[in-house]
Amino acid sequence: MRISILGGTGPEGRGLAVRLAMAGNAVCLGSRDESRAIDVAIDLSSSVGIHVIGLDNASAAKDGDVIFVTVPYQAQSDLLSSIKDDLEGKIIVNVIAPMEFVKGVGARALDVKAGSAAEECREIACNSKIVSAFQNVSAEDLENPDLVLDEDVIICSDDSDAKKIVMELVESIDNLRPVDGGALSNSKYVEQITPLLVNINRIYKIHAGIKIVGI
């Protein structure tokens, strides 16, 4: 499986690259700045002992079978609009949790006209298979290869085949469990958990995740 991570030089992109490459997948980091992507890929490859390559976002989109979108929410529309032809027919895993930081309050979820970042992604890349996942997993925990993960990843999509593939990718990462979150419209609720976790992390100085009991 060839995986490309758009916006892959940020914390979430680097963390996913580490874990997915450790699981045996071919991983490409995408960035607006190809030289930045190459530098980060070299650094991860040498420090973690994995093989990761770096390209600009457009080239990474062409290269991958499964495309992870990890850019900030404000950058999503412009990025996807510019490369949507290269995404046609591919699985897009939207990892974005739209939020802002308010002084005296902390992290707060943003209202999205489409309902969620994942649904907005579907409006732009309408010929792709959209899956929502990984919004609630700490980027710092993902990037630390020595840390044992122990949490669930809620996965939402209207495409059952694409959802199954992403659930298998989650299962390939040690100690992560995929949980079927139903339709893509449910991504709104998953995305809105992230600001809550960010605020809990700040209060307790931890990297909180989620676990669904009873399954």
N, C-alpha and C. Protein backbone atom coordinates (compact mmCIF):
# COMPACT_ATOMS: atom_id res chain seq x y z
N MET A 1 0.84 -1.18 0.00
CA MET A 1 0.00 0.00 0.00
C MET A 1 0.88 1.25 0.00
N ARG A 2 0.69 2.12 -0.99
CA ARG A 2 1.46 3.36 -1.05
C ARG A 2 0.62 4.47 -0.41
N ILE A 3 1.18 5.06 0.63
CA ILE A 3 0.46 6.07 1.40
C ILE A 3 1.16 7.42 1.25
N SER A 4 0.40 8.44 0.92
CA SER A 4 0.92 9.80 0.85
C SER A 4 0.24 10.64 1.92
N ILE A 5 1.03 11.46 2.61
CA ILE A 5 0.51 12.30 3.69
C ILE A 5 0.70 13.75 3.29
N LEU A 6 -0.39 14.42 2.94
CA LEU A 6 -0.33 15.82 2.53
C LEU A 6 -0.26 16.70 3.77
N GLY A 7 0.65 17.67 3.74
CA GLY A 7 0.93 18.42 4.95
C GLY A 7 1.72 17.57 5.92
N GLY A 8 2.50 16.66 5.37
CA GLY A 8 3.14 15.61 6.18
C GLY A 8 4.31 16.05 7.03
N THR A 9 4.74 17.31 6.92
CA THR A 9 5.88 17.75 7.74
C THR A 9 5.43 18.31 9.09
N GLY A 10 4.12 18.45 9.30
CA GLY A 10 3.60 18.88 10.60
C GLY A 10 3.59 17.74 11.59
N PRO A 11 3.25 18.01 12.85
CA PRO A 11 3.29 16.97 13.89
C PRO A 11 2.43 15.75 13.57
N GLU A 12 1.18 15.96 13.13
CA GLU A 12 0.30 14.83 12.84
C GLU A 12 0.82 14.02 11.66
N GLY A 13 1.28 14.72 10.63
CA GLY A 13 1.82 14.03 9.46
C GLY A 13 3.04 13.21 9.79
N ARG A 14 3.95 13.79 10.57
CA ARG A 14 5.16 13.05 10.96
C ARG A 14 4.79 11.83 11.79
N GLY A 15 3.87 12.01 12.73
CA GLY A 15 3.48 10.90 13.59
C GLY A 15 2.86 9.75 12.81
N LEU A 16 1.96 10.08 11.90
CA LEU A 16 1.35 9.04 11.07
C LEU A 16 2.39 8.37 10.19
N ALA A 17 3.33 9.14 9.66
CA ALA A 17 4.39 8.57 8.82
C ALA A 17 5.19 7.54 9.60
N VAL A 18 5.54 7.87 10.82
CA VAL A 18 6.32 6.96 11.65
C VAL A 18 5.58 5.64 11.85
N ARG A 19 4.32 5.73 12.29
CA ARG A 19 3.59 4.51 12.64
C ARG A 19 3.22 3.69 11.40
N LEU A 20 2.83 4.35 10.33
CA LEU A 20 2.45 3.61 9.13
C LEU A 20 3.65 2.97 8.45
N ALA A 21 4.80 3.65 8.48
CA ALA A 21 6.01 3.07 7.91
C ALA A 21 6.50 1.91 8.77
N MET A 22 6.40 2.05 10.09
CA MET A 22 6.79 0.95 10.98
C MET A 22 5.92 -0.29 10.74
N ALA A 23 4.69 -0.06 10.28
CA ALA A 23 3.77 -1.17 10.00
C ALA A 23 4.03 -1.81 8.64
N GLY A 24 5.00 -1.28 7.88
CA GLY A 24 5.40 -1.89 6.62
C GLY A 24 4.84 -1.25 5.38
N ASN A 25 4.23 -0.07 5.51
CA ASN A 25 3.68 0.62 4.34
C ASN A 25 4.72 1.53 3.71
N ALA A 26 4.60 1.75 2.42
CA ALA A 26 5.45 2.71 1.71
C ALA A 26 4.84 4.09 1.91
N VAL A 27 5.60 5.00 2.53
CA VAL A 27 5.06 6.30 2.95
C VAL A 27 5.80 7.44 2.27
N CYS A 28 5.00 8.39 1.77
CA CYS A 28 5.54 9.61 1.16
C CYS A 28 5.00 10.81 1.90
N LEU A 29 5.89 11.71 2.30
CA LEU A 29 5.49 12.96 2.93
C LEU A 29 5.33 14.04 1.87
N GLY A 30 4.20 14.74 1.88
CA GLY A 30 3.99 15.85 0.98
C GLY A 30 4.06 17.17 1.73
N SER A 31 4.48 18.21 1.04
CA SER A 31 4.57 19.54 1.64
C SER A 31 4.46 20.58 0.54
N ARG A 32 4.09 21.81 0.91
CA ARG A 32 4.16 22.91 -0.07
C ARG A 32 5.58 23.10 -0.55
N ASP A 33 6.54 22.83 0.35
CA ASP A 33 7.96 23.01 0.07
C ASP A 33 8.60 21.63 -0.04
N GLU A 34 8.92 21.22 -1.25
CA GLU A 34 9.47 19.87 -1.44
C GLU A 34 10.77 19.67 -0.66
N SER A 35 11.62 20.69 -0.59
CA SER A 35 12.88 20.54 0.14
C SER A 35 12.63 20.29 1.62
N ARG A 36 11.59 20.92 2.15
CA ARG A 36 11.22 20.68 3.55
C ARG A 36 10.76 19.23 3.73
N ALA A 37 9.97 18.74 2.80
CA ALA A 37 9.50 17.35 2.87
C ALA A 37 10.67 16.38 2.82
N ILE A 38 11.62 16.66 1.96
CA ILE A 38 12.79 15.78 1.84
C ILE A 38 13.60 15.78 3.13
N ASP A 39 13.80 16.96 3.71
CA ASP A 39 14.57 17.07 4.97
C ASP A 39 13.90 16.29 6.09
N VAL A 40 12.58 16.44 6.22
CA VAL A 40 11.87 15.74 7.29
C VAL A 40 11.88 14.23 7.04
N ALA A 41 11.74 13.82 5.78
CA ALA A 41 11.78 12.39 5.46
C ALA A 41 13.13 11.78 5.81
N ILE A 42 14.20 12.50 5.49
CA ILE A 42 15.55 12.02 5.82
C ILE A 42 15.72 11.92 7.32
N ASP A 43 15.24 12.93 8.05
CA ASP A 43 15.37 12.94 9.51
C ASP A 43 14.61 11.77 10.13
N LEU A 44 13.37 11.54 9.69
CA LEU A 44 12.59 10.42 10.24
C LEU A 44 13.23 9.08 9.87
N SER A 45 13.69 8.97 8.64
CA SER A 45 14.29 7.71 8.21
C SER A 45 15.52 7.35 9.04
N SER A 46 16.33 8.36 9.35
CA SER A 46 17.55 8.11 10.10
C SER A 46 17.29 7.94 11.60
N SER A 47 16.36 8.71 12.15
CA SER A 47 16.15 8.68 13.60
C SER A 47 15.29 7.50 14.04
N VAL A 48 14.37 7.08 13.19
CA VAL A 48 13.45 6.00 13.56
C VAL A 48 13.83 4.68 12.90
N GLY A 49 14.60 4.74 11.81
CA GLY A 49 14.98 3.52 11.10
C GLY A 49 13.90 3.03 10.17
N ILE A 50 13.18 3.96 9.55
CA ILE A 50 12.14 3.63 8.59
C ILE A 50 12.52 4.22 7.23
N HIS A 51 11.79 3.85 6.20
CA HIS A 51 12.04 4.44 4.89
C HIS A 51 10.86 5.31 4.50
N VAL A 52 11.10 6.63 4.40
CA VAL A 52 10.08 7.59 4.04
C VAL A 52 10.68 8.51 2.99
N ILE A 53 9.88 8.90 1.97
CA ILE A 53 10.36 9.84 0.98
C ILE A 53 9.59 11.15 1.08
N GLY A 54 10.13 12.23 0.51
CA GLY A 54 9.48 13.52 0.54
C GLY A 54 9.28 14.09 -0.85
N LEU A 55 8.10 14.66 -1.09
CA LEU A 55 7.75 15.28 -2.35
C LEU A 55 6.89 16.51 -2.08
N ASP A 56 6.65 17.31 -3.11
CA ASP A 56 5.67 18.38 -2.95
C ASP A 56 4.28 17.74 -2.89
N ASN A 57 3.28 18.49 -2.39
CA ASN A 57 1.95 17.92 -2.18
C ASN A 57 1.34 17.35 -3.45
N ALA A 58 1.49 18.05 -4.57
CA ALA A 58 0.89 17.58 -5.82
C ALA A 58 1.49 16.26 -6.26
N SER A 59 2.81 16.15 -6.20
CA SER A 59 3.48 14.90 -6.59
C SER A 59 3.14 13.78 -5.63
N ALA A 60 3.03 14.10 -4.35
CA ALA A 60 2.66 13.09 -3.36
C ALA A 60 1.25 12.57 -3.62
N ALA A 61 0.35 13.46 -4.02
CA ALA A 61 -1.02 13.05 -4.32
C ALA A 61 -1.06 12.08 -5.49
N LYS A 62 -0.24 12.34 -6.49
CA LYS A 62 -0.18 11.44 -7.64
C LYS A 62 0.42 10.09 -7.26
N ASP A 63 1.36 10.09 -6.32
CA ASP A 63 2.12 8.90 -5.97
C ASP A 63 1.33 7.90 -5.14
N GLY A 64 0.41 8.37 -4.30
CA GLY A 64 -0.21 7.50 -3.31
C GLY A 64 -1.47 6.79 -3.75
N ASP A 65 -1.74 5.64 -3.14
CA ASP A 65 -3.01 4.94 -3.29
C ASP A 65 -4.01 5.43 -2.26
N VAL A 66 -3.52 5.66 -1.05
CA VAL A 66 -4.31 6.22 0.04
C VAL A 66 -3.68 7.54 0.44
N ILE A 67 -4.50 8.60 0.48
CA ILE A 67 -3.99 9.95 0.73
C ILE A 67 -4.50 10.44 2.08
N PHE A 68 -3.59 10.72 2.99
CA PHE A 68 -3.95 11.32 4.28
C PHE A 68 -3.84 12.84 4.16
N VAL A 69 -4.85 13.54 4.64
CA VAL A 69 -4.85 15.00 4.63
C VAL A 69 -4.68 15.49 6.06
N THR A 70 -3.53 16.10 6.35
CA THR A 70 -3.21 16.51 7.72
C THR A 70 -2.89 18.00 7.82
N VAL A 71 -3.26 18.76 6.78
CA VAL A 71 -3.00 20.21 6.82
C VAL A 71 -3.96 20.86 7.82
N PRO A 72 -3.64 22.09 8.29
CA PRO A 72 -4.61 22.82 9.10
C PRO A 72 -5.91 23.03 8.32
N TYR A 73 -7.03 23.11 9.04
CA TYR A 73 -8.33 23.22 8.37
C TYR A 73 -8.37 24.39 7.40
N GLN A 74 -7.77 25.51 7.78
CA GLN A 74 -7.83 26.71 6.94
C GLN A 74 -7.16 26.50 5.58
N ALA A 75 -6.28 25.50 5.47
CA ALA A 75 -5.56 25.24 4.23
C ALA A 75 -6.21 24.14 3.38
N GLN A 76 -7.21 23.48 3.93
CA GLN A 76 -7.77 22.31 3.25
C GLN A 76 -8.37 22.65 1.89
N SER A 77 -9.23 23.65 1.82
CA SER A 77 -9.95 23.95 0.59
C SER A 77 -9.01 24.28 -0.56
N ASP A 78 -8.05 25.17 -0.32
CA ASP A 78 -7.12 25.55 -1.38
C ASP A 78 -6.29 24.37 -1.85
N LEU A 79 -5.81 23.57 -0.90
CA LEU A 79 -4.97 22.43 -1.26
C LEU A 79 -5.75 21.42 -2.10
N LEU A 80 -6.90 21.00 -1.62
CA LEU A 80 -7.65 19.97 -2.33
C LEU A 80 -8.16 20.46 -3.68
N SER A 81 -8.55 21.72 -3.75
CA SER A 81 -9.02 22.27 -5.03
C SER A 81 -7.92 22.26 -6.08
N SER A 82 -6.69 22.45 -5.64
CA SER A 82 -5.57 22.54 -6.58
C SER A 82 -5.12 21.18 -7.10
N ILE A 83 -5.47 20.10 -6.41
CA ILE A 83 -4.97 18.77 -6.80
C ILE A 83 -6.08 17.74 -6.96
N LYS A 84 -7.35 18.18 -7.01
CA LYS A 84 -8.45 17.22 -6.97
C LYS A 84 -8.44 16.24 -8.14
N ASP A 85 -7.90 16.64 -9.30
CA ASP A 85 -7.82 15.71 -10.43
C ASP A 85 -6.89 14.54 -10.13
N ASP A 86 -5.85 14.80 -9.34
CA ASP A 86 -4.90 13.74 -8.99
C ASP A 86 -5.44 12.82 -7.89
N LEU A 87 -6.55 13.23 -7.27
CA LEU A 87 -7.13 12.44 -6.18
C LEU A 87 -8.30 11.57 -6.65
N GLU A 88 -8.68 11.71 -7.90
CA GLU A 88 -9.86 11.04 -8.40
C GLU A 88 -9.76 9.53 -8.25
N GLY A 89 -10.78 8.95 -7.63
CA GLY A 89 -10.85 7.50 -7.44
C GLY A 89 -10.05 6.97 -6.27
N LYS A 90 -9.29 7.83 -5.61
CA LYS A 90 -8.43 7.38 -4.51
C LYS A 90 -9.14 7.51 -3.16
N ILE A 91 -8.61 6.80 -2.18
CA ILE A 91 -9.10 6.92 -0.81
C ILE A 91 -8.42 8.12 -0.16
N ILE A 92 -9.22 9.04 0.37
CA ILE A 92 -8.68 10.16 1.11
C ILE A 92 -9.06 9.99 2.57
N VAL A 93 -8.07 9.98 3.44
CA VAL A 93 -8.29 9.89 4.88
C VAL A 93 -8.14 11.29 5.45
N ASN A 94 -9.26 11.86 5.88
CA ASN A 94 -9.24 13.21 6.42
C ASN A 94 -9.01 13.15 7.93
N VAL A 95 -7.94 13.79 8.37
CA VAL A 95 -7.51 13.74 9.77
C VAL A 95 -7.79 15.07 10.48
N ILE A 96 -8.39 16.00 9.78
CA ILE A 96 -8.49 17.38 10.25
C ILE A 96 -9.59 17.53 11.30
N ALA A 97 -9.28 18.28 12.36
CA ALA A 97 -10.26 18.68 13.37
C ALA A 97 -10.28 20.21 13.42
N PRO A 98 -11.27 20.85 12.80
CA PRO A 98 -11.29 22.32 12.76
C PRO A 98 -11.45 22.93 14.15
N MET A 99 -10.50 23.76 14.55
CA MET A 99 -10.60 24.41 15.85
C MET A 99 -9.80 25.70 15.87
N GLU A 100 -10.06 26.49 16.89
CA GLU A 100 -9.32 27.72 17.12
C GLU A 100 -8.97 27.78 18.59
N PHE A 101 -8.03 28.64 18.92
CA PHE A 101 -7.63 28.81 20.31
C PHE A 101 -8.07 30.19 20.79
N VAL A 102 -8.82 30.21 21.88
CA VAL A 102 -9.39 31.44 22.41
C VAL A 102 -8.75 31.72 23.77
N LYS A 103 -8.23 32.92 23.92
CA LYS A 103 -7.57 33.30 25.17
C LYS A 103 -8.54 33.17 26.34
N GLY A 104 -8.10 32.50 27.37
CA GLY A 104 -8.92 32.32 28.55
C GLY A 104 -9.90 31.17 28.46
N VAL A 105 -10.03 30.57 27.28
CA VAL A 105 -10.96 29.46 27.08
C VAL A 105 -10.21 28.19 26.70
N GLY A 106 -9.29 28.33 25.77
CA GLY A 106 -8.54 27.19 25.26
C GLY A 106 -9.01 26.84 23.86
N ALA A 107 -8.94 25.57 23.50
CA ALA A 107 -9.33 25.13 22.16
C ALA A 107 -10.85 25.11 22.04
N ARG A 108 -11.33 25.53 20.87
CA ARG A 108 -12.77 25.55 20.62
C ARG A 108 -13.04 25.10 19.19
N ALA A 109 -14.04 24.25 19.01
CA ALA A 109 -14.37 23.73 17.68
C ALA A 109 -14.92 24.85 16.79
N LEU A 110 -14.56 24.80 15.51
CA LEU A 110 -15.08 25.74 14.53
C LEU A 110 -16.32 25.16 13.86
N ASP A 111 -17.26 26.03 13.54
CA ASP A 111 -18.41 25.61 12.76
C ASP A 111 -17.99 25.47 11.30
N VAL A 112 -18.40 24.38 10.67
CA VAL A 112 -18.08 24.12 9.27
C VAL A 112 -19.39 24.04 8.50
N LYS A 113 -19.50 24.83 7.46
CA LYS A 113 -20.75 24.90 6.69
C LYS A 113 -21.18 23.53 6.17
N ALA A 114 -20.22 22.73 5.74
CA ALA A 114 -20.54 21.41 5.18
C ALA A 114 -20.91 20.39 6.26
N GLY A 115 -20.70 20.74 7.52
CA GLY A 115 -20.97 19.84 8.64
C GLY A 115 -19.71 19.41 9.35
N SER A 116 -18.68 19.08 8.58
CA SER A 116 -17.41 18.64 9.14
C SER A 116 -16.31 18.87 8.10
N ALA A 117 -15.07 18.81 8.54
CA ALA A 117 -13.95 18.92 7.60
C ALA A 117 -13.99 17.79 6.58
N ALA A 118 -14.37 16.60 7.03
CA ALA A 118 -14.42 15.45 6.13
C ALA A 118 -15.50 15.62 5.07
N GLU A 119 -16.65 16.18 5.45
CA GLU A 119 -17.72 16.40 4.47
C GLU A 119 -17.36 17.53 3.50
N GLU A 120 -16.64 18.52 3.99
CA GLU A 120 -16.14 19.57 3.09
C GLU A 120 -15.15 18.97 2.10
N CYS A 121 -14.32 18.07 2.57
CA CYS A 121 -13.37 17.36 1.71
C CYS A 121 -14.12 16.62 0.61
N ARG A 122 -15.24 15.99 0.95
CA ARG A 122 -16.03 15.26 -0.05
C ARG A 122 -16.63 16.21 -1.07
N GLU A 123 -17.04 17.40 -0.65
CA GLU A 123 -17.60 18.37 -1.59
C GLU A 123 -16.57 18.79 -2.63
N ILE A 124 -15.32 18.91 -2.21
CA ILE A 124 -14.26 19.36 -3.13
C ILE A 124 -13.76 18.21 -3.99
N ALA A 125 -13.39 17.12 -3.34
CA ALA A 125 -12.87 15.94 -4.05
C ALA A 125 -14.01 14.95 -4.24
N CYS A 126 -15.00 15.34 -5.03
CA CYS A 126 -16.26 14.59 -5.10
C CYS A 126 -16.12 13.24 -5.78
N ASN A 127 -15.03 13.02 -6.50
CA ASN A 127 -14.83 11.73 -7.16
C ASN A 127 -13.84 10.83 -6.41
N SER A 128 -13.60 11.18 -5.16
CA SER A 128 -12.72 10.37 -4.31
C SER A 128 -13.55 9.66 -3.25
N LYS A 129 -12.91 8.73 -2.55
CA LYS A 129 -13.57 7.97 -1.48
C LYS A 129 -13.09 8.53 -0.15
N ILE A 130 -13.98 9.20 0.56
CA ILE A 130 -13.57 9.96 1.75
C ILE A 130 -13.80 9.15 3.01
N VAL A 131 -12.77 9.10 3.84
CA VAL A 131 -12.83 8.44 5.14
C VAL A 131 -12.31 9.42 6.18
N SER A 132 -12.94 9.43 7.34
CA SER A 132 -12.52 10.29 8.45
C SER A 132 -11.90 9.42 9.54
N ALA A 133 -10.71 9.80 10.02
CA ALA A 133 -10.03 8.98 11.04
C ALA A 133 -8.89 9.75 11.70
N PHE A 134 -8.46 9.28 12.86
CA PHE A 134 -7.25 9.72 13.57
C PHE A 134 -7.32 11.12 14.18
N GLN A 135 -8.49 11.76 14.21
CA GLN A 135 -8.53 13.11 14.79
C GLN A 135 -8.19 13.14 16.28
N ASN A 136 -8.45 12.05 16.98
CA ASN A 136 -8.33 12.05 18.44
C ASN A 136 -7.05 11.41 18.95
N VAL A 137 -6.12 11.08 18.06
CA VAL A 137 -4.86 10.44 18.47
C VAL A 137 -3.77 11.50 18.55
N SER A 138 -3.05 11.53 19.65
CA SER A 138 -2.00 12.53 19.87
C SER A 138 -0.89 12.41 18.83
N ALA A 139 -0.57 13.53 18.19
CA ALA A 139 0.53 13.55 17.22
C ALA A 139 1.84 13.21 17.89
N GLU A 140 2.05 13.73 19.09
CA GLU A 140 3.30 13.48 19.81
C GLU A 140 3.45 12.00 20.14
N ASP A 141 2.34 11.35 20.53
CA ASP A 141 2.41 9.93 20.84
C ASP A 141 2.70 9.10 19.59
N LEU A 142 2.08 9.47 18.48
CA LEU A 142 2.33 8.76 17.24
C LEU A 142 3.79 8.85 16.82
N GLU A 143 4.38 10.02 17.01
CA GLU A 143 5.74 10.24 16.51
C GLU A 143 6.80 9.57 17.37
N ASN A 144 6.45 9.20 18.60
CA ASN A 144 7.41 8.55 19.50
C ASN A 144 7.35 7.04 19.28
N PRO A 145 8.30 6.45 18.55
CA PRO A 145 8.21 5.03 18.20
C PRO A 145 8.36 4.10 19.40
N ASP A 146 8.88 4.62 20.51
CA ASP A 146 9.08 3.79 21.70
C ASP A 146 7.86 3.77 22.61
N LEU A 147 6.89 4.62 22.32
CA LEU A 147 5.70 4.68 23.17
C LEU A 147 4.69 3.63 22.75
N VAL A 148 4.17 2.89 23.71
CA VAL A 148 3.14 1.89 23.44
C VAL A 148 1.78 2.59 23.43
N LEU A 149 1.10 2.55 22.30
CA LEU A 149 -0.21 3.16 22.17
C LEU A 149 -1.28 2.25 22.76
N ASP A 150 -2.36 2.84 23.24
CA ASP A 150 -3.45 2.04 23.80
C ASP A 150 -4.75 2.83 23.70
N GLU A 151 -5.30 2.91 22.50
CA GLU A 151 -6.51 3.71 22.31
C GLU A 151 -7.23 3.28 21.04
N ASP A 152 -8.40 3.89 20.84
CA ASP A 152 -9.24 3.57 19.70
C ASP A 152 -9.20 4.69 18.67
N VAL A 153 -9.42 4.31 17.41
CA VAL A 153 -9.52 5.26 16.31
C VAL A 153 -10.91 5.10 15.70
N ILE A 154 -11.72 6.15 15.80
CA ILE A 154 -13.07 6.11 15.24
C ILE A 154 -13.01 6.45 13.76
N ILE A 155 -13.64 5.62 12.95
CA ILE A 155 -13.54 5.75 11.49
C ILE A 155 -14.94 5.91 10.92
N CYS A 156 -15.15 7.00 10.17
CA CYS A 156 -16.45 7.30 9.57
C CYS A 156 -16.31 7.38 8.05
N SER A 157 -17.27 6.81 7.34
CA SER A 157 -17.27 6.90 5.88
C SER A 157 -18.59 6.36 5.33
N ASP A 158 -18.95 6.83 4.16
CA ASP A 158 -20.12 6.29 3.45
C ASP A 158 -19.72 5.20 2.45
N ASP A 159 -18.41 4.97 2.32
CA ASP A 159 -17.89 3.96 1.39
C ASP A 159 -17.37 2.78 2.22
N SER A 160 -18.10 1.68 2.20
CA SER A 160 -17.76 0.55 3.07
C SER A 160 -16.42 -0.07 2.72
N ASP A 161 -16.08 -0.13 1.44
CA ASP A 161 -14.81 -0.73 1.03
C ASP A 161 -13.63 0.14 1.48
N ALA A 162 -13.76 1.45 1.29
CA ALA A 162 -12.70 2.36 1.73
C ALA A 162 -12.55 2.32 3.24
N LYS A 163 -13.67 2.26 3.94
CA LYS A 163 -13.62 2.19 5.40
C LYS A 163 -12.89 0.94 5.86
N LYS A 164 -13.16 -0.18 5.21
CA LYS A 164 -12.50 -1.44 5.57
C LYS A 164 -11.00 -1.34 5.39
N ILE A 165 -10.55 -0.73 4.30
CA ILE A 165 -9.11 -0.59 4.05
C ILE A 165 -8.47 0.26 5.14
N VAL A 166 -9.11 1.36 5.51
CA VAL A 166 -8.54 2.23 6.55
C VAL A 166 -8.56 1.54 7.90
N MET A 167 -9.60 0.78 8.19
CA MET A 167 -9.63 0.02 9.45
C MET A 167 -8.48 -0.98 9.49
N GLU A 168 -8.17 -1.59 8.35
CA GLU A 168 -7.03 -2.52 8.31
C GLU A 168 -5.71 -1.78 8.51
N LEU A 169 -5.59 -0.57 7.99
CA LEU A 169 -4.39 0.23 8.23
C LEU A 169 -4.23 0.54 9.71
N VAL A 170 -5.34 0.87 10.37
CA VAL A 170 -5.29 1.14 11.81
C VAL A 170 -4.86 -0.11 12.56
N GLU A 171 -5.42 -1.24 12.19
CA GLU A 171 -5.07 -2.50 12.86
C GLU A 171 -3.60 -2.86 12.66
N SER A 172 -2.99 -2.39 11.59
CA SER A 172 -1.58 -2.70 11.34
C SER A 172 -0.66 -1.96 12.30
N ILE A 173 -1.17 -0.94 12.97
CA ILE A 173 -0.38 -0.18 13.95
C ILE A 173 -0.58 -0.82 15.32
N ASP A 174 0.49 -1.22 15.95
CA ASP A 174 0.40 -1.93 17.23
C ASP A 174 -0.44 -1.17 18.25
N ASN A 175 -1.40 -1.91 18.83
CA ASN A 175 -2.21 -1.45 19.96
C ASN A 175 -3.18 -0.32 19.65
N LEU A 176 -3.43 -0.05 18.37
CA LEU A 176 -4.54 0.82 18.00
C LEU A 176 -5.70 -0.05 17.54
N ARG A 177 -6.91 0.31 17.95
CA ARG A 177 -8.09 -0.47 17.55
C ARG A 177 -9.02 0.42 16.73
N PRO A 178 -9.40 -0.04 15.53
CA PRO A 178 -10.37 0.73 14.76
C PRO A 178 -11.78 0.50 15.27
N VAL A 179 -12.56 1.57 15.33
CA VAL A 179 -13.96 1.48 15.73
C VAL A 179 -14.80 2.10 14.62
N ASP A 180 -15.77 1.35 14.12
CA ASP A 180 -16.62 1.83 13.04
C ASP A 180 -17.56 2.91 13.59
N GLY A 181 -17.36 4.14 13.11
CA GLY A 181 -18.17 5.26 13.58
C GLY A 181 -19.35 5.57 12.70
N GLY A 182 -19.64 4.70 11.71
CA GLY A 182 -20.80 4.91 10.89
C GLY A 182 -20.57 5.85 9.73
N ALA A 183 -21.58 6.62 9.39
CA ALA A 183 -21.57 7.47 8.20
C ALA A 183 -20.58 8.62 8.32
N LEU A 184 -20.20 9.17 7.17
CA LEU A 184 -19.25 10.28 7.17
C LEU A 184 -19.80 11.48 7.94
N SER A 185 -21.11 11.65 7.96
CA SER A 185 -21.70 12.78 8.70
C SER A 185 -21.39 12.72 10.19
N ASN A 186 -21.10 11.54 10.72
CA ASN A 186 -20.74 11.41 12.13
C ASN A 186 -19.35 11.97 12.42
N SER A 187 -18.59 12.24 11.37
CA SER A 187 -17.26 12.81 11.58
C SER A 187 -17.33 14.13 12.35
N LYS A 188 -18.41 14.86 12.19
CA LYS A 188 -18.58 16.13 12.91
C LYS A 188 -18.36 15.93 14.41
N TYR A 189 -18.95 14.88 14.95
CA TYR A 189 -18.88 14.66 16.40
C TYR A 189 -17.49 14.19 16.81
N VAL A 190 -16.87 13.40 15.95
CA VAL A 190 -15.50 12.93 16.24
C VAL A 190 -14.53 14.10 16.22
N GLU A 191 -14.66 14.96 15.21
CA GLU A 191 -13.78 16.12 15.09
C GLU A 191 -13.93 17.04 16.30
N GLN A 192 -15.16 17.16 16.81
CA GLN A 192 -15.40 18.10 17.91
C GLN A 192 -14.93 17.58 19.26
N ILE A 193 -14.59 16.28 19.32
CA ILE A 193 -13.98 15.75 20.55
C ILE A 193 -12.55 16.28 20.71
N THR A 194 -11.89 16.56 19.60
CA THR A 194 -10.47 16.94 19.66
C THR A 194 -10.21 18.18 20.49
N PRO A 195 -10.96 19.28 20.33
CA PRO A 195 -10.71 20.44 21.20
C PRO A 195 -10.87 20.10 22.68
N LEU A 196 -11.83 19.24 23.00
CA LEU A 196 -11.99 18.82 24.39
C LEU A 196 -10.74 18.10 24.89
N LEU A 197 -10.21 17.19 24.07
CA LEU A 197 -9.00 16.47 24.46
C LEU A 197 -7.82 17.43 24.62
N VAL A 198 -7.72 18.41 23.71
CA VAL A 198 -6.64 19.40 23.81
C VAL A 198 -6.72 20.14 25.15
N ASN A 199 -7.93 20.50 25.55
CA ASN A 199 -8.09 21.23 26.82
C ASN A 199 -7.80 20.33 28.02
N ILE A 200 -8.20 19.06 27.94
CA ILE A 200 -7.87 18.11 29.00
C ILE A 200 -6.36 17.92 29.09
N ASN A 201 -5.72 17.82 27.94
CA ASN A 201 -4.25 17.69 27.92
C ASN A 201 -3.58 18.86 28.62
N ARG A 202 -4.09 20.05 28.36
CA ARG A 202 -3.50 21.26 28.97
C ARG A 202 -3.68 21.24 30.48
N ILE A 203 -4.84 20.82 30.95
CA ILE A 203 -5.12 20.82 32.38
C ILE A 203 -4.27 19.77 33.11
N TYR A 204 -4.21 18.57 32.54
CA TYR A 204 -3.54 17.45 33.22
C TYR A 204 -2.11 17.20 32.74
N LYS A 205 -1.70 17.97 31.71
CA LYS A 205 -0.35 17.81 31.16
C LYS A 205 -0.10 16.36 30.70
N ILE A 206 -1.03 15.88 29.87
CA ILE A 206 -0.96 14.52 29.33
C ILE A 206 -1.26 14.58 27.84
N HIS A 207 -1.28 13.42 27.19
CA HIS A 207 -1.70 13.29 25.80
C HIS A 207 -2.92 12.36 25.78
N ALA A 208 -4.09 12.91 26.06
CA ALA A 208 -5.30 12.10 26.20
C ALA A 208 -5.75 11.53 24.87
N GLY A 209 -6.25 10.31 24.91
CA GLY A 209 -6.89 9.69 23.76
C GLY A 209 -8.26 9.21 24.16
N ILE A 210 -8.89 8.40 23.33
CA ILE A 210 -10.22 7.88 23.68
C ILE A 210 -10.22 6.36 23.54
N LYS A 211 -11.13 5.76 24.31
CA LYS A 211 -11.33 4.32 24.24
C LYS A 211 -12.81 4.05 24.42
N ILE A 212 -13.39 3.27 23.52
CA ILE A 212 -14.79 2.93 23.56
C ILE A 212 -14.95 1.61 24.31
N VAL A 213 -15.70 1.62 25.40
CA VAL A 213 -15.86 0.40 26.20
C VAL A 213 -17.09 -0.36 25.72
N GLY A 214 -17.09 -1.65 25.97
CA GLY A 214 -18.26 -2.46 25.68
C GLY A 214 -18.26 -3.15 24.32
N ILE A 215 -17.23 -2.89 23.51
CA ILE A 215 -17.15 -3.55 22.20
C ILE A 215 -16.35 -4.84 22.34
